[in-house]
N, C-alpha and C. Protein backbone atom coordinates (compact mmCIF):
# COMPACT_ATOMS: atom_id res chain seq x y z
N MET A 1 95.20 23.80 195.66
CA MET A 1 95.90 23.87 194.39
C MET A 1 94.95 24.41 193.32
N SER A 2 95.37 25.43 192.60
CA SER A 2 94.48 26.04 191.60
C SER A 2 94.71 25.43 190.22
N ASN A 3 93.70 25.53 189.41
CA ASN A 3 93.77 25.01 188.05
C ASN A 3 93.94 26.18 187.09
N PHE A 4 95.14 26.37 186.55
CA PHE A 4 95.44 27.51 185.69
C PHE A 4 94.82 27.38 184.31
N ARG A 5 94.54 26.19 183.87
CA ARG A 5 94.01 26.00 182.51
C ARG A 5 92.60 26.56 182.36
N ASN A 6 91.83 26.62 183.39
CA ASN A 6 90.47 27.13 183.31
C ASN A 6 90.38 28.62 183.56
N LYS A 7 91.48 29.25 183.82
CA LYS A 7 91.50 30.67 184.15
C LYS A 7 91.47 31.52 182.88
N LYS A 8 90.64 32.57 182.88
CA LYS A 8 90.64 33.52 181.78
C LYS A 8 91.91 34.35 181.83
N VAL A 9 92.49 34.60 180.68
CA VAL A 9 93.71 35.38 180.62
C VAL A 9 93.44 36.69 179.87
N ASN A 10 94.26 37.70 180.15
CA ASN A 10 94.09 39.00 179.52
C ASN A 10 95.13 39.25 178.44
N PHE A 11 95.56 38.21 177.75
CA PHE A 11 96.50 38.37 176.65
C PHE A 11 96.28 37.25 175.65
N SER A 12 96.81 37.46 174.45
CA SER A 12 96.76 36.45 173.40
C SER A 12 98.15 36.26 172.83
N GLN A 13 98.43 35.05 172.37
CA GLN A 13 99.70 34.78 171.73
C GLN A 13 99.51 34.88 170.22
N ILE A 14 100.36 35.68 169.59
CA ILE A 14 100.30 35.90 168.15
C ILE A 14 101.63 35.45 167.55
N SER A 15 101.57 34.77 166.44
CA SER A 15 102.79 34.30 165.78
C SER A 15 103.63 35.48 165.29
N ASN A 16 104.92 35.46 165.59
CA ASN A 16 105.83 36.48 165.08
C ASN A 16 105.91 36.41 163.56
N THR A 17 105.69 35.26 162.99
CA THR A 17 105.69 35.12 161.54
C THR A 17 104.69 36.09 160.92
N VAL A 18 103.54 36.22 161.53
CA VAL A 18 102.51 37.14 161.03
C VAL A 18 102.88 38.58 161.37
N LEU A 19 103.28 38.82 162.61
CA LEU A 19 103.53 40.20 163.05
C LEU A 19 104.66 40.87 162.29
N TRP A 20 105.67 40.13 161.89
CA TRP A 20 106.83 40.74 161.25
C TRP A 20 106.85 40.62 159.74
N ASP A 21 105.81 40.05 159.16
CA ASP A 21 105.76 39.91 157.71
C ASP A 21 105.39 41.26 157.08
N LYS A 22 106.30 41.81 156.30
CA LYS A 22 106.11 43.14 155.71
C LYS A 22 105.12 43.13 154.56
N ARG A 23 104.69 41.96 154.13
CA ARG A 23 103.70 41.88 153.04
C ARG A 23 102.29 42.17 153.54
N LEU A 24 102.08 42.08 154.84
CA LEU A 24 100.76 42.36 155.42
C LEU A 24 100.72 43.79 155.94
N SER A 25 99.58 44.45 155.73
CA SER A 25 99.43 45.80 156.25
C SER A 25 99.31 45.77 157.77
N MET A 26 99.62 46.88 158.39
CA MET A 26 99.50 46.96 159.85
C MET A 26 98.04 46.82 160.27
N GLN A 27 97.13 47.30 159.44
CA GLN A 27 95.71 47.17 159.76
C GLN A 27 95.29 45.70 159.77
N ALA A 28 95.75 44.94 158.78
CA ALA A 28 95.40 43.52 158.72
C ALA A 28 96.01 42.76 159.90
N LYS A 29 97.22 43.13 160.29
CA LYS A 29 97.86 42.49 161.45
C LYS A 29 97.05 42.76 162.72
N GLY A 30 96.57 43.98 162.88
CA GLY A 30 95.76 44.32 164.05
C GLY A 30 94.45 43.55 164.06
N LEU A 31 93.82 43.43 162.91
CA LEU A 31 92.58 42.67 162.83
C LEU A 31 92.84 41.20 163.12
N TYR A 32 93.97 40.68 162.64
CA TYR A 32 94.33 39.29 162.92
C TYR A 32 94.48 39.07 164.43
N CYS A 33 95.08 40.03 165.11
CA CYS A 33 95.22 39.93 166.58
C CYS A 33 93.85 39.86 167.24
N GLU A 34 92.91 40.67 166.76
CA GLU A 34 91.56 40.65 167.33
C GLU A 34 90.87 39.32 167.05
N ILE A 35 91.07 38.79 165.86
CA ILE A 35 90.48 37.48 165.51
C ILE A 35 91.04 36.39 166.41
N ILE A 36 92.37 36.40 166.62
CA ILE A 36 93.00 35.42 167.51
C ILE A 36 92.38 35.52 168.91
N ASP A 37 92.24 36.74 169.42
CA ASP A 37 91.68 36.93 170.75
C ASP A 37 90.25 36.40 170.83
N CYS A 38 89.44 36.72 169.83
CA CYS A 38 88.05 36.26 169.84
C CYS A 38 87.96 34.74 169.80
N LYS A 39 88.84 34.12 169.04
CA LYS A 39 88.80 32.67 168.89
C LYS A 39 89.38 31.92 170.10
N THR A 40 90.32 32.53 170.80
CA THR A 40 90.99 31.81 171.88
C THR A 40 90.52 32.19 173.27
N ASN A 41 90.14 33.44 173.50
CA ASN A 41 89.84 33.90 174.85
C ASN A 41 88.39 34.26 175.11
N GLN A 42 87.60 34.37 174.07
CA GLN A 42 86.24 34.82 174.26
C GLN A 42 85.27 33.84 173.63
N ASP A 43 84.07 33.82 174.14
CA ASP A 43 83.03 32.94 173.63
C ASP A 43 82.18 33.74 172.64
N ILE A 44 82.75 34.00 171.45
CA ILE A 44 82.10 34.84 170.46
C ILE A 44 82.00 34.08 169.15
N LYS A 45 80.81 34.13 168.53
CA LYS A 45 80.66 33.60 167.17
C LYS A 45 81.21 34.68 166.24
N LEU A 46 82.35 34.42 165.67
CA LEU A 46 83.07 35.44 164.91
C LEU A 46 82.51 35.56 163.50
N THR A 47 81.96 36.73 163.20
CA THR A 47 81.40 37.02 161.89
C THR A 47 81.94 38.35 161.38
N LYS A 48 81.78 38.58 160.08
CA LYS A 48 82.18 39.87 159.51
C LYS A 48 81.40 41.00 160.18
N SER A 49 80.12 40.79 160.38
CA SER A 49 79.28 41.83 160.99
C SER A 49 79.78 42.20 162.38
N TYR A 50 80.18 41.19 163.15
CA TYR A 50 80.70 41.46 164.49
C TYR A 50 81.96 42.31 164.42
N LEU A 51 82.91 41.93 163.55
CA LEU A 51 84.17 42.67 163.44
C LEU A 51 83.92 44.11 162.97
N ILE A 52 83.00 44.28 162.03
CA ILE A 52 82.67 45.62 161.53
C ILE A 52 82.12 46.49 162.65
N SER A 53 81.38 45.88 163.56
CA SER A 53 80.76 46.64 164.66
C SER A 53 81.74 47.02 165.76
N GLN A 54 82.96 46.48 165.74
CA GLN A 54 83.91 46.68 166.84
C GLN A 54 84.84 47.87 166.68
N GLY A 55 84.81 48.53 165.54
CA GLY A 55 85.75 49.63 165.34
C GLY A 55 85.15 50.75 164.51
N ILE A 56 86.02 51.69 164.13
CA ILE A 56 85.56 52.85 163.36
C ILE A 56 85.73 52.65 161.86
N GLU A 57 86.35 51.55 161.46
CA GLU A 57 86.56 51.29 160.04
C GLU A 57 85.23 50.99 159.35
N THR A 58 85.19 51.33 158.06
CA THR A 58 83.99 51.06 157.28
C THR A 58 83.91 49.57 156.95
N LYS A 59 82.75 49.15 156.50
CA LYS A 59 82.55 47.76 156.08
C LYS A 59 83.55 47.40 154.98
N GLU A 60 83.76 48.30 154.04
CA GLU A 60 84.69 48.04 152.94
C GLU A 60 86.13 47.89 153.44
N GLU A 61 86.52 48.70 154.42
CA GLU A 61 87.87 48.60 154.97
C GLU A 61 88.08 47.26 155.68
N VAL A 62 87.11 46.86 156.49
CA VAL A 62 87.21 45.58 157.21
C VAL A 62 87.23 44.43 156.21
N GLU A 63 86.37 44.49 155.21
CA GLU A 63 86.35 43.43 154.20
C GLU A 63 87.68 43.36 153.44
N GLY A 64 88.30 44.51 153.20
CA GLY A 64 89.61 44.54 152.56
C GLY A 64 90.67 43.86 153.41
N MET A 65 90.64 44.13 154.72
CA MET A 65 91.59 43.49 155.63
C MET A 65 91.35 41.98 155.70
N LEU A 66 90.08 41.59 155.74
CA LEU A 66 89.75 40.16 155.76
C LEU A 66 90.23 39.48 154.49
N ASN A 67 90.04 40.16 153.35
CA ASN A 67 90.53 39.59 152.07
C ASN A 67 92.04 39.44 152.09
N GLU A 68 92.73 40.42 152.64
CA GLU A 68 94.19 40.36 152.74
C GLU A 68 94.62 39.16 153.58
N LEU A 69 93.97 38.96 154.73
CA LEU A 69 94.31 37.83 155.60
C LEU A 69 93.96 36.50 154.94
N GLN A 70 92.86 36.49 154.21
CA GLN A 70 92.46 35.27 153.51
C GLN A 70 93.44 34.96 152.38
N ASP A 71 93.88 35.97 151.65
CA ASP A 71 94.85 35.77 150.56
C ASP A 71 96.17 35.18 151.07
N PHE A 72 96.54 35.50 152.32
CA PHE A 72 97.76 34.97 152.91
C PHE A 72 97.55 33.63 153.60
N GLY A 73 96.33 33.10 153.55
CA GLY A 73 96.06 31.79 154.11
C GLY A 73 95.94 31.76 155.62
N LEU A 74 95.62 32.91 156.23
CA LEU A 74 95.51 32.96 157.69
C LEU A 74 94.10 32.70 158.19
N ILE A 75 93.11 33.07 157.37
CA ILE A 75 91.71 32.86 157.74
C ILE A 75 90.96 32.36 156.52
N LYS A 76 89.76 31.85 156.78
CA LYS A 76 88.83 31.50 155.71
C LYS A 76 87.50 32.16 156.05
N VAL A 77 86.95 32.87 155.09
CA VAL A 77 85.66 33.53 155.30
C VAL A 77 84.64 32.81 154.44
N SER A 78 83.65 32.20 155.09
CA SER A 78 82.56 31.51 154.41
C SER A 78 81.26 32.21 154.80
N ASP A 79 80.60 32.78 153.81
CA ASP A 79 79.42 33.60 154.08
C ASP A 79 79.81 34.67 155.09
N GLU A 80 79.29 34.60 156.29
CA GLU A 80 79.60 35.58 157.34
C GLU A 80 80.62 35.06 158.33
N ILE A 81 80.80 33.74 158.40
CA ILE A 81 81.61 33.11 159.44
C ILE A 81 83.10 33.18 159.10
N ILE A 82 83.92 33.50 160.11
CA ILE A 82 85.36 33.59 159.93
C ILE A 82 86.01 32.41 160.65
N GLU A 83 86.81 31.67 159.90
CA GLU A 83 87.50 30.50 160.44
C GLU A 83 89.00 30.80 160.48
N LEU A 84 89.62 30.51 161.59
CA LEU A 84 91.05 30.72 161.76
C LEU A 84 91.80 29.50 161.23
N LEU A 85 92.79 29.73 160.36
CA LEU A 85 93.59 28.65 159.80
C LEU A 85 94.96 28.64 160.46
N GLU A 86 95.72 27.58 160.23
CA GLU A 86 97.10 27.53 160.72
C GLU A 86 97.89 28.61 160.04
N VAL A 87 98.93 29.09 160.70
CA VAL A 87 99.77 30.13 160.10
C VAL A 87 100.39 29.56 158.83
N GLY A 88 100.08 30.19 157.71
CA GLY A 88 100.52 29.66 156.43
C GLY A 88 101.48 30.55 155.66
N ILE A 89 102.04 31.55 156.31
CA ILE A 89 102.95 32.46 155.60
C ILE A 89 104.34 31.87 155.62
């Protein structure tokens, strides 16, 4: 008998509340998906620097997306560390 709870999965569950909210930019939604994946499926210390290093967007663009997510109550950014909050939209 196998234990499915300890198995790594290749997908993440994202709240439809976030995905379908027209007040959030598509870029911020994509970054939120990456944050969810990092927090749930990977053993990564999630920081602004890490997220900036993962794509072609500039530091200012990533910080803008993080600010957007923070303004909607989805994440909290303290210094460099990103904390995932409950869906608050």
